[in-house]
């Protein structure tokens, strides 16, 4: 692993956790503890950053989000989306 790949992963994990915390704070109906929010945010951040990086592989799209901005945006969105999904699953399991 090169240092640029490690930096991308760190950015995706941190921004994914931020996105997960934001969704967890916004959606009060889903009572999640910190651990599921952190884990789902981090995993979603890596996934979202990876997906966005692959989508931006074209030169025209890559120039629009140069540098680490794509990793950060993908991390926040991916972390938030996965945290919302995990929260919805946890809420439906608690109803049963």
N, C-alpha and C. Protein backbone atom coordinates (compact mmCIF):
# COMPACT_ATOMS: atom_id res chain seq x y z
N UNK A 1 0.84 -1.18 0.00
CA UNK A 1 0.00 0.00 0.00
C UNK A 1 0.88 1.24 0.00
N UNK A 2 0.54 2.14 -0.86
CA UNK A 2 1.29 3.39 -0.90
C UNK A 2 0.68 4.38 0.08
N UNK A 3 1.41 5.43 0.33
CA UNK A 3 0.92 6.43 1.29
C UNK A 3 -0.33 7.14 0.76
N UNK A 4 -0.48 7.26 -0.55
CA UNK A 4 -1.68 7.92 -1.08
C UNK A 4 -2.91 7.05 -0.88
N UNK A 5 -2.76 5.74 -0.98
CA UNK A 5 -3.90 4.85 -0.75
C UNK A 5 -4.29 4.87 0.73
N UNK A 6 -3.29 4.88 1.61
CA UNK A 6 -3.58 4.95 3.04
C UNK A 6 -4.28 6.26 3.38
N UNK A 7 -3.84 7.35 2.77
CA UNK A 7 -4.47 8.65 3.00
C UNK A 7 -5.92 8.65 2.51
N UNK A 8 -6.17 8.03 1.37
CA UNK A 8 -7.54 7.93 0.87
C UNK A 8 -8.41 7.15 1.85
N UNK A 9 -7.91 6.03 2.36
CA UNK A 9 -8.69 5.23 3.31
C UNK A 9 -8.96 5.98 4.61
N UNK A 10 -7.97 6.70 5.09
CA UNK A 10 -8.16 7.48 6.33
C UNK A 10 -9.23 8.55 6.13
N UNK A 11 -9.17 9.24 5.00
CA UNK A 11 -10.18 10.27 4.71
C UNK A 11 -11.56 9.65 4.60
N UNK A 12 -11.66 8.51 3.90
CA UNK A 12 -12.96 7.85 3.73
C UNK A 12 -13.52 7.37 5.06
N UNK A 13 -12.66 6.83 5.92
CA UNK A 13 -13.13 6.33 7.22
C UNK A 13 -13.60 7.49 8.10
N UNK A 14 -12.81 8.53 8.18
CA UNK A 14 -13.16 9.67 9.05
C UNK A 14 -14.44 10.35 8.56
N UNK A 15 -14.52 10.61 7.26
CA UNK A 15 -15.73 11.27 6.75
C UNK A 15 -16.93 10.34 6.80
N UNK A 16 -16.70 9.02 6.69
CA UNK A 16 -17.80 8.08 6.84
C UNK A 16 -18.36 8.09 8.25
N UNK A 17 -17.46 8.16 9.23
CA UNK A 17 -17.91 8.24 10.63
C UNK A 17 -18.69 9.54 10.85
N UNK A 18 -18.23 10.62 10.27
CA UNK A 18 -18.94 11.90 10.39
C UNK A 18 -20.34 11.79 9.78
N UNK A 19 -20.43 11.19 8.59
CA UNK A 19 -21.73 11.00 7.96
C UNK A 19 -22.64 10.11 8.77
N UNK A 20 -22.09 9.05 9.34
CA UNK A 20 -22.88 8.15 10.18
C UNK A 20 -23.38 8.83 11.44
N UNK A 21 -22.53 9.64 12.07
CA UNK A 21 -22.94 10.38 13.26
C UNK A 21 -24.03 11.40 12.93
N UNK A 22 -23.90 12.03 11.77
CA UNK A 22 -24.91 13.03 11.37
C UNK A 22 -26.27 12.38 11.15
N UNK A 23 -26.28 11.24 10.49
CA UNK A 23 -27.54 10.53 10.27
C UNK A 23 -28.10 10.03 11.60
N UNK A 24 -27.23 9.50 12.46
CA UNK A 24 -27.68 9.03 13.77
C UNK A 24 -28.27 10.13 14.63
N UNK A 25 -27.71 11.33 14.53
CA UNK A 25 -28.24 12.46 15.30
C UNK A 25 -29.53 13.00 14.70
N UNK A 26 -29.64 12.91 13.39
CA UNK A 26 -30.83 13.45 12.71
C UNK A 26 -32.03 12.54 12.88
N UNK A 27 -31.83 11.26 12.75
CA UNK A 27 -32.94 10.31 12.84
C UNK A 27 -33.03 9.81 14.27
N UNK A 28 -33.78 10.51 15.06
CA UNK A 28 -33.90 10.19 16.49
C UNK A 28 -34.75 8.94 16.74
N UNK A 29 -35.58 8.56 15.77
CA UNK A 29 -36.45 7.41 15.98
C UNK A 29 -35.67 6.09 16.02
N UNK A 30 -34.46 6.11 15.51
CA UNK A 30 -33.62 4.91 15.53
C UNK A 30 -32.64 5.06 16.68
N UNK A 31 -32.86 4.30 17.73
CA UNK A 31 -31.99 4.39 18.89
C UNK A 31 -30.79 3.47 18.68
N UNK A 32 -29.70 4.05 18.21
CA UNK A 32 -28.48 3.29 17.96
C UNK A 32 -27.42 3.76 18.95
N UNK A 33 -26.66 2.82 19.46
CA UNK A 33 -25.54 3.23 20.30
C UNK A 33 -24.40 3.71 19.40
N UNK A 34 -23.34 4.18 20.01
CA UNK A 34 -22.23 4.76 19.24
C UNK A 34 -21.51 3.72 18.38
N UNK A 35 -21.33 2.51 18.90
CA UNK A 35 -20.56 1.50 18.16
C UNK A 35 -21.16 1.17 16.80
N UNK A 36 -22.47 0.89 16.68
CA UNK A 36 -23.02 0.64 15.34
C UNK A 36 -22.91 1.85 14.42
N UNK A 37 -23.07 3.06 14.96
CA UNK A 37 -22.94 4.25 14.13
C UNK A 37 -21.52 4.41 13.62
N UNK A 38 -20.54 4.17 14.48
CA UNK A 38 -19.13 4.32 14.08
C UNK A 38 -18.76 3.26 13.06
N UNK A 39 -19.12 2.01 13.35
CA UNK A 39 -18.75 0.92 12.43
C UNK A 39 -19.43 1.05 11.08
N UNK A 40 -20.74 1.30 11.08
CA UNK A 40 -21.43 1.42 9.81
C UNK A 40 -20.98 2.66 9.05
N UNK A 41 -20.67 3.73 9.77
CA UNK A 41 -20.16 4.93 9.11
C UNK A 41 -18.80 4.69 8.47
N UNK A 42 -17.91 4.00 9.19
CA UNK A 42 -16.57 3.74 8.65
C UNK A 42 -16.64 2.81 7.44
N UNK A 43 -17.41 1.73 7.55
CA UNK A 43 -17.53 0.79 6.43
C UNK A 43 -18.21 1.45 5.25
N UNK A 44 -19.27 2.20 5.52
CA UNK A 44 -19.95 2.92 4.44
C UNK A 44 -19.07 3.98 3.81
N UNK A 45 -18.23 4.60 4.61
CA UNK A 45 -17.31 5.60 4.07
C UNK A 45 -16.32 5.00 3.09
N UNK A 46 -15.78 3.84 3.44
CA UNK A 46 -14.85 3.17 2.53
C UNK A 46 -15.58 2.75 1.25
N UNK A 47 -16.77 2.19 1.41
CA UNK A 47 -17.53 1.76 0.23
C UNK A 47 -17.93 2.95 -0.64
N UNK A 48 -18.45 3.99 -0.02
CA UNK A 48 -18.87 5.17 -0.78
C UNK A 48 -17.71 5.86 -1.47
N UNK A 49 -16.58 5.95 -0.78
CA UNK A 49 -15.40 6.55 -1.39
C UNK A 49 -14.89 5.73 -2.55
N UNK A 50 -14.92 4.40 -2.41
CA UNK A 50 -14.49 3.53 -3.49
C UNK A 50 -15.40 3.62 -4.70
N UNK A 51 -16.70 3.65 -4.45
CA UNK A 51 -17.66 3.76 -5.55
C UNK A 51 -17.48 5.09 -6.28
N UNK A 52 -17.37 6.17 -5.53
CA UNK A 52 -17.22 7.48 -6.16
C UNK A 52 -15.90 7.57 -6.93
N UNK A 53 -14.84 6.98 -6.40
CA UNK A 53 -13.56 6.98 -7.10
C UNK A 53 -13.68 6.24 -8.43
N UNK A 54 -14.38 5.11 -8.43
CA UNK A 54 -14.57 4.37 -9.68
C UNK A 54 -15.45 5.14 -10.66
N UNK A 55 -16.45 5.84 -10.15
CA UNK A 55 -17.30 6.63 -11.04
C UNK A 55 -16.54 7.81 -11.64
N UNK A 56 -15.57 8.32 -10.89
CA UNK A 56 -14.82 9.48 -11.36
C UNK A 56 -13.57 9.08 -12.15
N UNK A 57 -13.54 7.87 -12.64
CA UNK A 57 -12.36 7.43 -13.38
C UNK A 57 -12.27 8.08 -14.76
N UNK A 58 -13.36 8.66 -15.24
CA UNK A 58 -13.29 9.37 -16.51
C UNK A 58 -12.60 10.72 -16.29
N UNK A 59 -11.81 11.17 -17.24
CA UNK A 59 -11.06 12.42 -17.04
C UNK A 59 -11.95 13.65 -16.80
N UNK A 60 -13.08 13.73 -17.47
CA UNK A 60 -13.94 14.90 -17.30
C UNK A 60 -14.54 14.95 -15.90
N UNK A 61 -14.97 13.81 -15.39
CA UNK A 61 -15.56 13.78 -14.05
C UNK A 61 -14.48 13.95 -12.98
N UNK A 62 -13.32 13.40 -13.24
CA UNK A 62 -12.25 13.49 -12.25
C UNK A 62 -11.77 14.92 -12.06
N UNK A 63 -11.80 15.71 -13.11
CA UNK A 63 -11.36 17.10 -12.98
C UNK A 63 -12.33 17.91 -12.14
N UNK A 64 -13.59 17.50 -12.11
CA UNK A 64 -14.58 18.22 -11.31
C UNK A 64 -14.35 18.01 -9.81
N UNK A 65 -13.87 16.84 -9.44
CA UNK A 65 -13.61 16.54 -8.03
C UNK A 65 -12.17 16.07 -7.88
N UNK A 66 -11.28 16.98 -8.00
CA UNK A 66 -9.86 16.61 -7.93
C UNK A 66 -9.41 16.47 -6.48
N UNK A 67 -8.30 15.79 -6.30
CA UNK A 67 -7.71 15.64 -4.97
C UNK A 67 -8.52 14.73 -4.08
N UNK A 68 -8.59 15.06 -2.81
CA UNK A 68 -9.26 14.22 -1.83
C UNK A 68 -10.73 14.58 -1.65
N UNK A 69 -11.23 15.52 -2.42
CA UNK A 69 -12.63 15.92 -2.29
C UNK A 69 -13.57 14.76 -2.61
N UNK A 70 -13.24 13.99 -3.63
CA UNK A 70 -14.07 12.83 -3.98
C UNK A 70 -14.11 11.80 -2.87
N UNK A 71 -12.97 11.58 -2.22
CA UNK A 71 -12.93 10.64 -1.10
C UNK A 71 -13.79 11.15 0.06
N UNK A 72 -13.73 12.44 0.32
CA UNK A 72 -14.49 13.02 1.43
C UNK A 72 -15.99 12.97 1.16
N UNK A 73 -16.39 13.36 -0.05
CA UNK A 73 -17.81 13.35 -0.39
C UNK A 73 -18.35 11.93 -0.38
N UNK A 74 -17.61 11.02 -1.01
CA UNK A 74 -18.03 9.62 -1.03
C UNK A 74 -18.10 9.03 0.36
N UNK A 75 -17.16 9.42 1.23
CA UNK A 75 -17.15 8.93 2.60
C UNK A 75 -18.35 9.39 3.39
N UNK A 76 -18.66 10.67 3.30
CA UNK A 76 -19.81 11.22 4.05
C UNK A 76 -21.12 10.58 3.57
N UNK A 77 -21.28 10.53 2.26
CA UNK A 77 -22.53 9.98 1.72
C UNK A 77 -22.63 8.48 2.01
N UNK A 78 -21.55 7.75 1.77
CA UNK A 78 -21.58 6.32 2.01
C UNK A 78 -21.79 5.98 3.48
N UNK A 79 -21.12 6.71 4.36
CA UNK A 79 -21.30 6.48 5.80
C UNK A 79 -22.70 6.79 6.26
N UNK A 80 -23.25 7.86 5.74
CA UNK A 80 -24.61 8.23 6.11
C UNK A 80 -25.65 7.24 5.61
N UNK A 81 -25.48 6.80 4.38
CA UNK A 81 -26.45 5.86 3.79
C UNK A 81 -26.40 4.52 4.51
N UNK A 82 -25.20 3.99 4.74
CA UNK A 82 -25.12 2.70 5.40
C UNK A 82 -25.61 2.78 6.84
N UNK A 83 -25.35 3.87 7.52
CA UNK A 83 -25.85 4.03 8.89
C UNK A 83 -27.38 4.08 8.91
N UNK A 84 -27.96 4.75 7.93
CA UNK A 84 -29.43 4.80 7.85
C UNK A 84 -30.00 3.41 7.60
N UNK A 85 -29.34 2.63 6.74
CA UNK A 85 -29.81 1.27 6.46
C UNK A 85 -29.70 0.39 7.71
N UNK A 86 -28.55 0.46 8.38
CA UNK A 86 -28.36 -0.33 9.60
C UNK A 86 -29.37 0.10 10.67
N UNK A 87 -29.62 1.39 10.78
CA UNK A 87 -30.59 1.88 11.75
C UNK A 87 -31.99 1.38 11.47
N UNK A 88 -32.36 1.36 10.19
CA UNK A 88 -33.69 0.86 9.81
C UNK A 88 -33.82 -0.63 10.11
N UNK A 89 -32.76 -1.37 9.86
CA UNK A 89 -32.79 -2.81 10.15
C UNK A 89 -32.88 -3.04 11.66
N UNK A 90 -32.09 -2.28 12.43
CA UNK A 90 -32.13 -2.44 13.89
C UNK A 90 -33.52 -2.07 14.45
N UNK A 91 -34.12 -1.03 13.87
CA UNK A 91 -35.44 -0.62 14.34
C UNK A 91 -36.49 -1.69 14.03
N UNK A 92 -36.41 -2.29 12.84
CA UNK A 92 -37.39 -3.33 12.49
C UNK A 92 -37.18 -4.59 13.32
N UNK A 93 -35.93 -4.87 13.71
CA UNK A 93 -35.67 -6.04 14.55
C UNK A 93 -36.19 -5.82 15.97
N UNK A 94 -36.17 -4.58 16.45
CA UNK A 94 -36.65 -4.28 17.80
C UNK A 94 -38.16 -4.36 17.89
N UNK A 95 -38.86 -4.15 16.77
CA UNK A 95 -40.33 -4.21 16.78
C UNK A 95 -40.84 -5.63 16.89
N UNK A 96 -40.06 -6.57 16.42
CA UNK A 96 -40.52 -7.97 16.39
C UNK A 96 -40.56 -8.60 17.74
